[in-house]
């Protein structure tokens, strides 16, 4: 069964992008959730500082689940454009958040024996 969009829009980090032979695009994303699970998810990235949330376009603290990395078609079926934006992109990671993501991903790979 092919995956289909969920019932509501969620924030996501784009890790990679690809242009397919037919000219369409796919993006590799990490799903975000407001369910933080601070004690049980050591290898996820949590954006909770107000300055970082503002830069990322997040209106609440968000955990990006590094176990949920998927490739999705870059189209409006999967990526909603909010009424106050011109594209599905609502923000970007700060330099600090990028470093945190890189370090956390590396630790996760080592812990899983993939590095």
PDB file of N, CA and C in Angstrom:
ATOM      1  N   UNK A   1       0.841  -1.177   0.000  1.00  0.00           N
ATOM      2  CA  UNK A   1       0.000   0.000   0.000  1.00  0.00           C
ATOM      3  C   UNK A   1       0.890   1.246   0.000  1.00  0.00           C
ATOM      4  N   UNK A   2       0.629   2.157  -0.906  1.00  0.00           N
ATOM      5  CA  UNK A   2       1.412   3.387  -1.005  1.00  0.00           C
ATOM      6  C   UNK A   2       1.060   4.319   0.145  1.00  0.00           C
ATOM      7  N   UNK A   3       2.052   5.043   0.664  1.00  0.00           N
ATOM      8  CA  UNK A   3       1.745   5.986   1.738  1.00  0.00           C
ATOM      9  C   UNK A   3       0.857   7.108   1.235  1.00  0.00           C
ATOM     10  N   UNK A   4       0.102   7.706   2.150  1.00  0.00           N
ATOM     11  CA  UNK A   4      -0.736   8.845   1.784  1.00  0.00           C
ATOM     12  C   UNK A   4      -0.628   9.903   2.871  1.00  0.00           C
ATOM     13  N   UNK A   5      -0.907  11.153   2.535  1.00  0.00           N
ATOM     14  CA  UNK A   5      -0.791  12.224   3.519  1.00  0.00           C
ATOM     15  C   UNK A   5      -1.687  11.980   4.723  1.00  0.00           C
ATOM     16  N   UNK A   6      -1.214  12.452   5.880  1.00  0.00           N
ATOM     17  CA  UNK A   6      -1.982  12.317   7.109  1.00  0.00           C
ATOM     18  C   UNK A   6      -3.114  13.331   7.191  1.00  0.00           C
ATOM     19  N   UNK A   7      -3.863  13.290   8.290  1.00  0.00           N
ATOM     20  CA  UNK A   7      -5.043  14.142   8.418  1.00  0.00           C
ATOM     21  C   UNK A   7      -4.736  15.610   8.707  1.00  0.00           C
ATOM     22  N   UNK A   8      -3.507  15.919   9.149  1.00  0.00           N
ATOM     23  CA  UNK A   8      -3.184  17.320   9.432  1.00  0.00           C
ATOM     24  C   UNK A   8      -1.751  17.617   9.029  1.00  0.00           C
ATOM     25  N   UNK A   9      -1.500  18.890   8.773  1.00  0.00           N
ATOM     26  CA  UNK A   9      -0.144  19.321   8.399  1.00  0.00           C
ATOM     27  C   UNK A   9       0.768  19.238   9.626  1.00  0.00           C
ATOM     28  N   UNK A  10       2.007  18.811   9.389  1.00  0.00           N
ATOM     29  CA  UNK A  10       3.008  18.724  10.449  1.00  0.00           C
ATOM     30  C   UNK A  10       4.287  19.392   9.970  1.00  0.00           C
ATOM     31  N   UNK A  11       5.054  19.931  10.902  1.00  0.00           N
ATOM     32  CA  UNK A  11       6.360  20.449  10.487  1.00  0.00           C
ATOM     33  C   UNK A  11       7.284  19.293  10.131  1.00  0.00           C
ATOM     34  N   UNK A  12       8.225  19.558   9.253  1.00  0.00           N
ATOM     35  CA  UNK A  12       9.196  18.538   8.859  1.00  0.00           C
ATOM     36  C   UNK A  12      10.511  19.222   8.508  1.00  0.00           C
ATOM     37  N   UNK A  13      11.604  18.524   8.766  1.00  0.00           N
ATOM     38  CA  UNK A  13      12.925  18.976   8.328  1.00  0.00           C
ATOM     39  C   UNK A  13      13.239  18.289   7.010  1.00  0.00           C
ATOM     40  N   UNK A  14      13.678  19.050   6.044  1.00  0.00           N
ATOM     41  CA  UNK A  14      14.094  18.462   4.779  1.00  0.00           C
ATOM     42  C   UNK A  14      15.577  18.139   4.876  1.00  0.00           C
ATOM     43  N   UNK A  15      15.920  16.853   4.755  1.00  0.00           N
ATOM     44  CA  UNK A  15      17.318  16.402   4.843  1.00  0.00           C
ATOM     45  C   UNK A  15      17.992  16.318   3.486  1.00  0.00           C
ATOM     46  N   UNK A  16      17.214  16.036   2.456  1.00  0.00           N
ATOM     47  CA  UNK A  16      17.784  15.873   1.113  1.00  0.00           C
ATOM     48  C   UNK A  16      16.684  16.109   0.096  1.00  0.00           C
ATOM     49  N   UNK A  17      17.090  16.390  -1.135  1.00  0.00           N
ATOM     50  CA  UNK A  17      16.146  16.581  -2.234  1.00  0.00           C
ATOM     51  C   UNK A  17      16.691  15.899  -3.476  1.00  0.00           C
ATOM     52  N   UNK A  18      15.781  15.474  -4.341  1.00  0.00           N
ATOM     53  CA  UNK A  18      16.185  14.799  -5.576  1.00  0.00           C
ATOM     54  C   UNK A  18      15.228  15.190  -6.698  1.00  0.00           C
ATOM     55  N   UNK A  19      15.768  15.334  -7.889  1.00  0.00           N
ATOM     56  CA  UNK A  19      14.955  15.544  -9.082  1.00  0.00           C
ATOM     57  C   UNK A  19      14.891  14.208  -9.807  1.00  0.00           C
ATOM     58  N   UNK A  20      13.685  13.752 -10.074  1.00  0.00           N
ATOM     59  CA  UNK A  20      13.485  12.456 -10.724  1.00  0.00           C
ATOM     60  C   UNK A  20      13.594  12.597 -12.236  1.00  0.00           C
ATOM     61  N   UNK A  21      13.686  11.469 -12.921  1.00  0.00           N
ATOM     62  CA  UNK A  21      13.813  11.464 -14.384  1.00  0.00           C
ATOM     63  C   UNK A  21      12.667  12.190 -15.081  1.00  0.00           C
ATOM     64  N   UNK A  22      11.473  12.164 -14.481  1.00  0.00           N
ATOM     65  CA  UNK A  22      10.317  12.822 -15.108  1.00  0.00           C
ATOM     66  C   UNK A  22      10.241  14.317 -14.792  1.00  0.00           C
ATOM     67  N   UNK A  23      11.253  14.836 -14.073  1.00  0.00           N
ATOM     68  CA  UNK A  23      11.309  16.260 -13.761  1.00  0.00           C
ATOM     69  C   UNK A  23      10.637  16.653 -12.465  1.00  0.00           C
ATOM     70  N   UNK A  24       9.949  15.718 -11.817  1.00  0.00           N
ATOM     71  CA  UNK A  24       9.340  16.011 -10.522  1.00  0.00           C
ATOM     72  C   UNK A  24      10.393  15.882  -9.432  1.00  0.00           C
ATOM     73  N   UNK A  25      10.048  16.320  -8.242  1.00  0.00           N
ATOM     74  CA  UNK A  25      10.999  16.265  -7.144  1.00  0.00           C
ATOM     75  C   UNK A  25      10.501  15.455  -5.975  1.00  0.00           C
ATOM     76  N   UNK A  26      11.434  14.904  -5.241  1.00  0.00           N
ATOM     77  CA  UNK A  26      11.167  14.222  -3.985  1.00  0.00           C
ATOM     78  C   UNK A  26      12.051  14.849  -2.929  1.00  0.00           C
ATOM     79  N   UNK A  27      11.589  14.819  -1.678  1.00  0.00           N
ATOM     80  CA  UNK A  27      12.398  15.301  -0.565  1.00  0.00           C
ATOM     81  C   UNK A  27      12.411  14.252   0.541  1.00  0.00           C
ATOM     82  N   UNK A  28      13.547  14.157   1.204  1.00  0.00           N
ATOM     83  CA  UNK A  28      13.659  13.284   2.370  1.00  0.00           C
ATOM     84  C   UNK A  28      13.400  14.144   3.593  1.00  0.00           C
ATOM     85  N   UNK A  29      12.415  13.750   4.395  1.00  0.00           N
ATOM     86  CA  UNK A  29      12.022  14.564   5.538  1.00  0.00           C
ATOM     87  C   UNK A  29      12.078  13.788   6.850  1.00  0.00           C
ATOM     88  N   UNK A  30      12.235  14.556   7.921  1.00  0.00           N
ATOM     89  CA  UNK A  30      12.140  14.059   9.292  1.00  0.00           C
ATOM     90  C   UNK A  30      10.884  14.701   9.870  1.00  0.00           C
ATOM     91  N   UNK A  31       9.946  13.891  10.313  1.00  0.00           N
ATOM     92  CA  UNK A  31       8.692  14.404  10.857  1.00  0.00           C
ATOM     93  C   UNK A  31       8.883  15.098  12.188  1.00  0.00           C
ATOM     94  N   UNK A  32       8.076  16.148  12.408  1.00  0.00           N
ATOM     95  CA  UNK A  32       8.063  16.851  13.677  1.00  0.00           C
ATOM     96  C   UNK A  32       6.753  16.628  14.408  1.00  0.00           C
ATOM     97  N   UNK A  33       6.808  16.723  15.741  1.00  0.00           N
ATOM     98  CA  UNK A  33       5.624  16.560  16.579  1.00  0.00           C
ATOM     99  C   UNK A  33       5.767  17.446  17.806  1.00  0.00           C
ATOM    100  N   UNK A  34       4.641  17.858  18.362  1.00  0.00           N
ATOM    101  CA  UNK A  34       4.687  18.639  19.599  1.00  0.00           C
ATOM    102  C   UNK A  34       4.718  17.744  20.831  1.00  0.00           C
ATOM    103  N   UNK A  35       4.621  16.438  20.655  1.00  0.00           N
ATOM    104  CA  UNK A  35       4.766  15.488  21.763  1.00  0.00           C
ATOM    105  C   UNK A  35       6.264  15.304  22.003  1.00  0.00           C
ATOM    106  N   UNK A  36       6.797  15.927  23.047  1.00  0.00           N
ATOM    107  CA  UNK A  36       8.249  16.028  23.199  1.00  0.00           C
ATOM    108  C   UNK A  36       8.939  14.757  23.684  1.00  0.00           C
ATOM    109  N   UNK A  37       8.349  13.985  24.595  1.00  0.00           N
ATOM    110  CA  UNK A  37       8.957  12.742  25.103  1.00  0.00           C
ATOM    111  C   UNK A  37      10.412  12.961  25.534  1.00  0.00           C
ATOM    112  N   UNK A  38      10.637  13.937  26.367  1.00  0.00           N
ATOM    113  CA  UNK A  38      11.990  14.334  26.759  1.00  0.00           C
ATOM    114  C   UNK A  38      12.808  13.208  27.391  1.00  0.00           C
ATOM    115  N   UNK A  39      12.164  12.329  28.138  1.00  0.00           N
ATOM    116  CA  UNK A  39      12.896  11.275  28.854  1.00  0.00           C
ATOM    117  C   UNK A  39      13.140  10.020  28.034  1.00  0.00           C
ATOM    118  N   UNK A  40      12.413   9.827  26.945  1.00  0.00           N
ATOM    119  CA  UNK A  40      12.494   8.542  26.254  1.00  0.00           C
ATOM    120  C   UNK A  40      13.036   8.604  24.831  1.00  0.00           C
ATOM    121  N   UNK A  41      13.410   9.769  24.331  1.00  0.00           N
ATOM    122  CA  UNK A  41      13.859   9.891  22.945  1.00  0.00           C
ATOM    123  C   UNK A  41      15.193  10.639  22.874  1.00  0.00           C
ATOM    124  N   UNK A  42      16.296  10.001  23.287  1.00  0.00           N
ATOM    125  CA  UNK A  42      17.580  10.708  23.340  1.00  0.00           C
ATOM    126  C   UNK A  42      18.166  11.064  21.983  1.00  0.00           C
ATOM    127  N   UNK A  43      17.727  10.421  20.907  1.00  0.00           N
ATOM    128  CA  UNK A  43      18.300  10.685  19.598  1.00  0.00           C
ATOM    129  C   UNK A  43      17.335  11.418  18.667  1.00  0.00           C
ATOM    130  N   UNK A  44      16.508  12.268  19.236  1.00  0.00           N
ATOM    131  CA  UNK A  44      15.659  13.159  18.465  1.00  0.00           C
ATOM    132  C   UNK A  44      16.137  14.588  18.693  1.00  0.00           C
ATOM    133  N   UNK A  45      15.754  15.486  17.820  1.00  0.00           N
ATOM    134  CA  UNK A  45      16.133  16.891  17.948  1.00  0.00           C
ATOM    135  C   UNK A  45      14.904  17.670  18.401  1.00  0.00           C
ATOM    136  N   UNK A  46      15.070  18.418  19.491  1.00  0.00           N
ATOM    137  CA  UNK A  46      13.978  19.211  20.026  1.00  0.00           C
ATOM    138  C   UNK A  46      14.318  20.689  19.873  1.00  0.00           C
ATOM    139  N   UNK A  47      13.430  21.412  19.231  1.00  0.00           N
ATOM    140  CA  UNK A  47      13.559  22.854  19.084  1.00  0.00           C
ATOM    141  C   UNK A  47      12.603  23.477  20.097  1.00  0.00           C
ATOM    142  N   UNK A  48      13.162  24.098  21.146  1.00  0.00           N
ATOM    143  CA  UNK A  48      12.300  24.633  22.207  1.00  0.00           C
ATOM    144  C   UNK A  48      12.659  26.061  22.625  1.00  0.00           C
ATOM    145  N   UNK A  49      13.817  26.564  22.204  1.00  0.00           N
ATOM    146  CA  UNK A  49      14.152  27.956  22.506  1.00  0.00           C
ATOM    147  C   UNK A  49      13.330  28.863  21.605  1.00  0.00           C
ATOM    148  N   UNK A  50      12.761  29.908  22.175  1.00  0.00           N
ATOM    149  CA  UNK A  50      11.872  30.788  21.419  1.00  0.00           C
ATOM    150  C   UNK A  50      12.549  31.378  20.182  1.00  0.00           C
ATOM    151  N   UNK A  51      13.813  31.772  20.290  1.00  0.00           N
ATOM    152  CA  UNK A  51      14.503  32.347  19.129  1.00  0.00           C
ATOM    153  C   UNK A  51      14.631  31.320  18.005  1.00  0.00           C
ATOM    154  N   UNK A  52      14.925  30.057  18.357  1.00  0.00           N
ATOM    155  CA  UNK A  52      15.017  29.010  17.341  1.00  0.00           C
ATOM    156  C   UNK A  52      13.643  28.673  16.769  1.00  0.00           C
ATOM    157  N   UNK A  53      12.627  28.635  17.632  1.00  0.00           N
ATOM    158  CA  UNK A  53      11.273  28.370  17.150  1.00  0.00           C
ATOM    159  C   UNK A  53      10.843  29.441  16.154  1.00  0.00           C
ATOM    160  N   UNK A  54      11.152  30.696  16.429  1.00  0.00           N
ATOM    161  CA  UNK A  54      10.796  31.784  15.513  1.00  0.00           C
ATOM    162  C   UNK A  54      11.494  31.616  14.170  1.00  0.00           C
ATOM    163  N   UNK A  55      12.795  31.310  14.192  1.00  0.00           N
ATOM    164  CA  UNK A  55      13.560  31.132  12.950  1.00  0.00           C
ATOM    165  C   UNK A  55      13.017  29.957  12.133  1.00  0.00           C
ATOM    166  N   UNK A  56      12.588  28.920  12.837  1.00  0.00           N
ATOM    167  CA  UNK A  56      12.070  27.715  12.172  1.00  0.00           C
ATOM    168  C   UNK A  56      10.611  27.856  11.740  1.00  0.00           C
ATOM    169  N   UNK A  57       9.945  28.894  12.191  1.00  0.00           N
ATOM    170  CA  UNK A  57       8.530  29.053  11.860  1.00  0.00           C
ATOM    171  C   UNK A  57       7.618  28.171  12.691  1.00  0.00           C
ATOM    172  N   UNK A  58       8.097  27.770  13.856  1.00  0.00           N
ATOM    173  CA  UNK A  58       7.320  26.888  14.734  1.00  0.00           C
ATOM    174  C   UNK A  58       6.612  27.712  15.797  1.00  0.00           C
ATOM    175  N   UNK A  59       5.365  27.387  16.100  1.00  0.00           N
ATOM    176  CA  UNK A  59       4.633  28.132  17.112  1.00  0.00           C
ATOM    177  C   UNK A  59       4.612  27.429  18.465  1.00  0.00           C
ATOM    178  N   UNK A  60       5.241  26.247  18.544  1.00  0.00           N
ATOM    179  CA  UNK A  60       5.384  25.540  19.829  1.00  0.00           C
ATOM    180  C   UNK A  60       6.634  24.677  19.759  1.00  0.00           C
ATOM    181  N   UNK A  61       7.109  24.255  20.921  1.00  0.00           N
ATOM    182  CA  UNK A  61       8.271  23.366  20.969  1.00  0.00           C
ATOM    183  C   UNK A  61       7.963  22.125  20.141  1.00  0.00           C
ATOM    184  N   UNK A  62       8.962  21.684  19.372  1.00  0.00           N
ATOM    185  CA  UNK A  62       8.753  20.581  18.437  1.00  0.00           C
ATOM    186  C   UNK A  62       9.916  19.604  18.505  1.00  0.00           C
ATOM    187  N   UNK A  63       9.557  18.307  18.527  1.00  0.00           N
ATOM    188  CA  UNK A  63      10.554  17.233  18.480  1.00  0.00           C
ATOM    189  C   UNK A  63      10.561  16.663  17.075  1.00  0.00           C
ATOM    190  N   UNK A  64      11.752  16.587  16.481  1.00  0.00           N
ATOM    191  CA  UNK A  64      11.897  15.969  15.167  1.00  0.00           C
ATOM    192  C   UNK A  64      12.391  14.548  15.377  1.00  0.00           C
ATOM    193  N   UNK A  65      11.577  13.598  14.959  1.00  0.00           N
ATOM    194  CA  UNK A  65      11.756  12.176  15.224  1.00  0.00           C
ATOM    195  C   UNK A  65      12.720  11.573  14.195  1.00  0.00           C
ATOM    196  N   UNK A  66      13.970  11.390  14.585  1.00  0.00           N
ATOM    197  CA  UNK A  66      14.990  10.893  13.663  1.00  0.00           C
ATOM    198  C   UNK A  66      14.789   9.433  13.272  1.00  0.00           C
ATOM    199  N   UNK A  67      13.794   8.773  13.869  1.00  0.00           N
ATOM    200  CA  UNK A  67      13.433   7.417  13.437  1.00  0.00           C
ATOM    201  C   UNK A  67      12.391   7.443  12.320  1.00  0.00           C
ATOM    202  N   UNK A  68      11.818   8.595  12.053  1.00  0.00           N
ATOM    203  CA  UNK A  68      10.797   8.716  11.009  1.00  0.00           C
ATOM    204  C   UNK A  68      11.335   9.585   9.880  1.00  0.00           C
ATOM    205  N   UNK A  69      12.209   8.996   9.085  1.00  0.00           N
ATOM    206  CA  UNK A  69      12.799   9.672   7.930  1.00  0.00           C
ATOM    207  C   UNK A  69      12.228   8.995   6.686  1.00  0.00           C
ATOM    208  N   UNK A  70      11.552   9.773   5.844  1.00  0.00           N
ATOM    209  CA  UNK A  70      10.908   9.209   4.658  1.00  0.00           C
ATOM    210  C   UNK A  70      11.112  10.114   3.447  1.00  0.00           C
ATOM    211  N   UNK A  71      11.041   9.509   2.267  1.00  0.00           N
ATOM    212  CA  UNK A  71      11.042  10.263   1.003  1.00  0.00           C
ATOM    213  C   UNK A  71       9.595  10.494   0.606  1.00  0.00           C
ATOM    214  N   UNK A  72       9.285  11.750   0.246  1.00  0.00           N
ATOM    215  CA  UNK A  72       7.935  12.125  -0.165  1.00  0.00           C
ATOM    216  C   UNK A  72       7.993  12.940  -1.453  1.00  0.00           C
ATOM    217  N   UNK A  73       6.939  12.883  -2.260  1.00  0.00           N
ATOM    218  CA  UNK A  73       6.896  13.732  -3.449  1.00  0.00           C
ATOM    219  C   UNK A  73       6.766  15.202  -3.027  1.00  0.00           C
ATOM    220  N   UNK A  74       7.494  16.071  -3.698  1.00  0.00           N
ATOM    221  CA  UNK A  74       7.423  17.501  -3.403  1.00  0.00           C
ATOM    222  C   UNK A  74       6.245  18.069  -4.207  1.00  0.00           C
ATOM    223  N   UNK A  75       5.053  17.981  -3.607  1.00  0.00           N
ATOM    224  CA  UNK A  75       3.860  18.512  -4.261  1.00  0.00           C
ATOM    225  C   UNK A  75       2.843  18.925  -3.208  1.00  0.00           C
ATOM    226  N   UNK A  76       1.762  19.563  -3.653  1.00  0.00           N
ATOM    227  CA  UNK A  76       0.783  20.099  -2.709  1.00  0.00           C
ATOM    228  C   UNK A  76      -0.068  19.022  -2.044  1.00  0.00           C
ATOM    229  N   UNK A  77      -0.028  17.790  -2.539  1.00  0.00           N
ATOM    230  CA  UNK A  77      -0.711  16.702  -1.825  1.00  0.00           C
ATOM    231  C   UNK A  77      -0.029  16.442  -0.484  1.00  0.00           C
ATOM    232  N   UNK A  78       1.284  16.608  -0.438  1.00  0.00           N
ATOM    233  CA  UNK A  78       2.067  16.293   0.757  1.00  0.00           C
ATOM    234  C   UNK A  78       2.497  17.527   1.538  1.00  0.00           C
ATOM    235  N   UNK A  79       2.614  18.667   0.881  1.00  0.00           N
ATOM    236  CA  UNK A  79       3.137  19.863   1.530  1.00  0.00           C
ATOM    237  C   UNK A  79       2.171  21.022   1.333  1.00  0.00           C
ATOM    238  N   UNK A  80       1.493  21.368   2.413  1.00  0.00           N
ATOM    239  CA  UNK A  80       0.484  22.411   2.406  1.00  0.00           C
ATOM    240  C   UNK A  80       1.146  23.793   2.382  1.00  0.00           C
ATOM    241  N   UNK A  81       0.566  24.697   1.625  1.00  0.00           N
ATOM    242  CA  UNK A  81       1.024  26.082   1.624  1.00  0.00           C
ATOM    243  C   UNK A  81       0.071  26.878   2.505  1.00  0.00           C
ATOM    244  N   UNK A  82       0.610  27.404   3.603  1.00  0.00           N
ATOM    245  CA  UNK A  82      -0.222  28.194   4.511  1.00  0.00           C
ATOM    246  C   UNK A  82      -0.642  29.494   3.833  1.00  0.00           C
ATOM    247  N   UNK A  83      -1.777  30.016   4.248  1.00  0.00           N
ATOM    248  CA  UNK A  83      -2.335  31.203   3.600  1.00  0.00           C
ATOM    249  C   UNK A  83      -1.420  32.418   3.679  1.00  0.00           C
ATOM    250  N   UNK A  84      -0.556  32.491   4.668  1.00  0.00           N
ATOM    251  CA  UNK A  84       0.335  33.640   4.829  1.00  0.00           C
ATOM    252  C   UNK A  84       1.732  33.401   4.242  1.00  0.00           C
ATOM    253  N   UNK A  85       1.892  32.348   3.439  1.00  0.00           N
ATOM    254  CA  UNK A  85       3.178  32.012   2.812  1.00  0.00           C
ATOM    255  C   UNK A  85       2.995  31.785   1.318  1.00  0.00           C
ATOM    256  N   UNK A  86       4.118  31.769   0.593  1.00  0.00           N
ATOM    257  CA  UNK A  86       4.084  31.527  -0.845  1.00  0.00           C
ATOM    258  C   UNK A  86       4.599  30.136  -1.203  1.00  0.00           C
ATOM    259  N   UNK A  87       5.097  29.401  -0.210  1.00  0.00           N
ATOM    260  CA  UNK A  87       5.595  28.046  -0.430  1.00  0.00           C
ATOM    261  C   UNK A  87       5.371  27.254   0.850  1.00  0.00           C
ATOM    262  N   UNK A  88       5.553  25.944   0.814  1.00  0.00           N
ATOM    263  CA  UNK A  88       5.410  25.147   2.036  1.00  0.00           C
ATOM    264  C   UNK A  88       6.513  25.415   3.065  1.00  0.00           C
ATOM    265  N   UNK A  89       7.574  26.075   2.660  1.00  0.00           N
ATOM    266  CA  UNK A  89       8.686  26.361   3.571  1.00  0.00           C
ATOM    267  C   UNK A  89       8.263  27.473   4.522  1.00  0.00           C
ATOM    268  N   UNK A  90       8.303  27.183   5.834  1.00  0.00           N
ATOM    269  CA  UNK A  90       7.880  28.176   6.823  1.00  0.00           C
ATOM    270  C   UNK A  90       9.041  28.737   7.630  1.00  0.00           C
ATOM    271  N   UNK A  91      10.226  28.160   7.485  1.00  0.00           N
ATOM    272  CA  UNK A  91      11.373  28.647   8.240  1.00  0.00           C
ATOM    273  C   UNK A  91      12.604  27.831   7.925  1.00  0.00           C
ATOM    274  N   UNK A  92      13.643  28.096   8.700  1.00  0.00           N
ATOM    275  CA  UNK A  92      14.887  27.348   8.528  1.00  0.00           C
ATOM    276  C   UNK A  92      15.518  27.135   9.893  1.00  0.00           C
ATOM    277  N   UNK A  93      16.364  26.121   9.977  1.00  0.00           N
ATOM    278  CA  UNK A  93      17.077  25.857  11.220  1.00  0.00           C
ATOM    279  C   UNK A  93      18.132  26.928  11.456  1.00  0.00           C
ATOM    280  N   UNK A  94      18.321  27.266  12.722  1.00  0.00           N
ATOM    281  CA  UNK A  94      19.423  28.154  13.088  1.00  0.00           C
ATOM    282  C   UNK A  94      20.726  27.371  12.963  1.00  0.00           C
ATOM    283  N   UNK A  95      21.847  28.073  12.996  1.00  0.00           N
ATOM    284  CA  UNK A  95      23.150  27.384  12.957  1.00  0.00           C
ATOM    285  C   UNK A  95      23.289  26.442  14.151  1.00  0.00           C
ATOM    286  N   UNK A  96      22.808  26.872  15.317  1.00  0.00           N
ATOM    287  CA  UNK A  96      22.875  26.015  16.508  1.00  0.00           C
ATOM    288  C   UNK A  96      22.046  24.745  16.324  1.00  0.00           C
ATOM    289  N   UNK A  97      20.857  24.890  15.754  1.00  0.00           N
ATOM    290  CA  UNK A  97      19.991  23.733  15.542  1.00  0.00           C
ATOM    291  C   UNK A  97      20.576  22.784  14.501  1.00  0.00           C
ATOM    292  N   UNK A  98      21.233  23.328  13.483  1.00  0.00           N
ATOM    293  CA  UNK A  98      21.890  22.483  12.481  1.00  0.00           C
ATOM    294  C   UNK A  98      22.997  21.670  13.136  1.00  0.00           C
ATOM    295  N   UNK A  99      23.809  22.300  13.970  1.00  0.00           N
ATOM    296  CA  UNK A  99      24.873  21.581  14.688  1.00  0.00           C
ATOM    297  C   UNK A  99      24.268  20.497  15.575  1.00  0.00           C
ATOM    298  N   UNK A 100      23.204  20.837  16.303  1.00  0.00           N
ATOM    299  CA  UNK A 100      22.538  19.855  17.164  1.00  0.00           C
ATOM    300  C   UNK A 100      22.041  18.676  16.344  1.00  0.00           C
ATOM    301  N   UNK A 101      21.444  18.934  15.197  1.00  0.00           N
ATOM    302  CA  UNK A 101      20.964  17.862  14.325  1.00  0.00           C
ATOM    303  C   UNK A 101      22.116  16.991  13.851  1.00  0.00           C
ATOM    304  N   UNK A 102      23.213  17.598  13.420  1.00  0.00           N
ATOM    305  CA  UNK A 102      24.373  16.833  12.943  1.00  0.00           C
ATOM    306  C   UNK A 102      24.955  15.963  14.046  1.00  0.00           C
ATOM    307  N   UNK A 103      25.114  16.526  15.225  1.00  0.00           N
ATOM    308  CA  UNK A 103      25.691  15.781  16.349  1.00  0.00           C
ATOM    309  C   UNK A 103      24.750  14.653  16.769  1.00  0.00           C
ATOM    310  N   UNK A 104      23.474  14.959  16.892  1.00  0.00           N
ATOM    311  CA  UNK A 104      22.501  13.939  17.310  1.00  0.00           C
ATOM    312  C   UNK A 104      22.431  12.814  16.288  1.00  0.00           C
ATOM    313  N   UNK A 105      22.431  13.149  15.004  1.00  0.00           N
ATOM    314  CA  UNK A 105      22.388  12.119  13.950  1.00  0.00           C
ATOM    315  C   UNK A 105      23.631  11.224  14.037  1.00  0.00           C
ATOM    316  N   UNK A 106      24.797  11.834  14.261  1.00  0.00           N
ATOM    317  CA  UNK A 106      26.032  11.059  14.371  1.00  0.00           C
ATOM    318  C   UNK A 106      25.980  10.116  15.572  1.00  0.00           C
ATOM    319  N   UNK A 107      25.549  10.605  16.731  1.00  0.00           N
ATOM    320  CA  UNK A 107      25.424   9.755  17.914  1.00  0.00           C
ATOM    321  C   UNK A 107      24.435   8.624  17.664  1.00  0.00           C
ATOM    322  N   UNK A 108      23.333   8.933  16.991  1.00  0.00           N
ATOM    323  CA  UNK A 108      22.333   7.903  16.685  1.00  0.00           C
ATOM    324  C   UNK A 108      22.932   6.811  15.800  1.00  0.00           C
ATOM    325  N   UNK A 109      23.692   7.211  14.781  1.00  0.00           N
ATOM    326  CA  UNK A 109      24.317   6.232  13.875  1.00  0.00           C
ATOM    327  C   UNK A 109      25.290   5.335  14.633  1.00  0.00           C
ATOM    328  N   UNK A 110      26.081   5.908  15.528  1.00  0.00           N
ATOM    329  CA  UNK A 110      27.026   5.128  16.323  1.00  0.00           C
ATOM    330  C   UNK A 110      26.276   4.168  17.236  1.00  0.00           C
ATOM    331  N   UNK A 111      25.252   4.659  17.907  1.00  0.00           N
ATOM    332  CA  UNK A 111      24.467   3.821  18.835  1.00  0.00           C
ATOM    333  C   UNK A 111      23.806   2.652  18.118  1.00  0.00           C
ATOM    334  N   UNK A 112      23.442   2.843  16.844  1.00  0.00           N
ATOM    335  CA  UNK A 112      22.803   1.784  16.075  1.00  0.00           C
ATOM    336  C   UNK A 112      23.794   0.939  15.308  1.00  0.00           C
ATOM    337  N   UNK A 113      25.102   1.214  15.485  1.00  0.00           N
ATOM    338  CA  UNK A 113      26.135   0.446  14.809  1.00  0.00           C
ATOM    339  C   UNK A 113      26.241   0.713  13.329  1.00  0.00           C
ATOM    340  N   UNK A 114      25.801   1.896  12.879  1.00  0.00           N
ATOM    341  CA  UNK A 114      25.803   2.232  11.457  1.00  0.00           C
ATOM    342  C   UNK A 114      26.960   3.144  11.072  1.00  0.00           C
ATOM    343  N   UNK A 115      27.792   3.486  12.042  1.00  0.00           N
ATOM    344  CA  UNK A 115      28.918   4.383  11.723  1.00  0.00           C
ATOM    345  C   UNK A 115      30.235   3.719  12.073  1.00  0.00           C
TER     346      UNK A 115
END
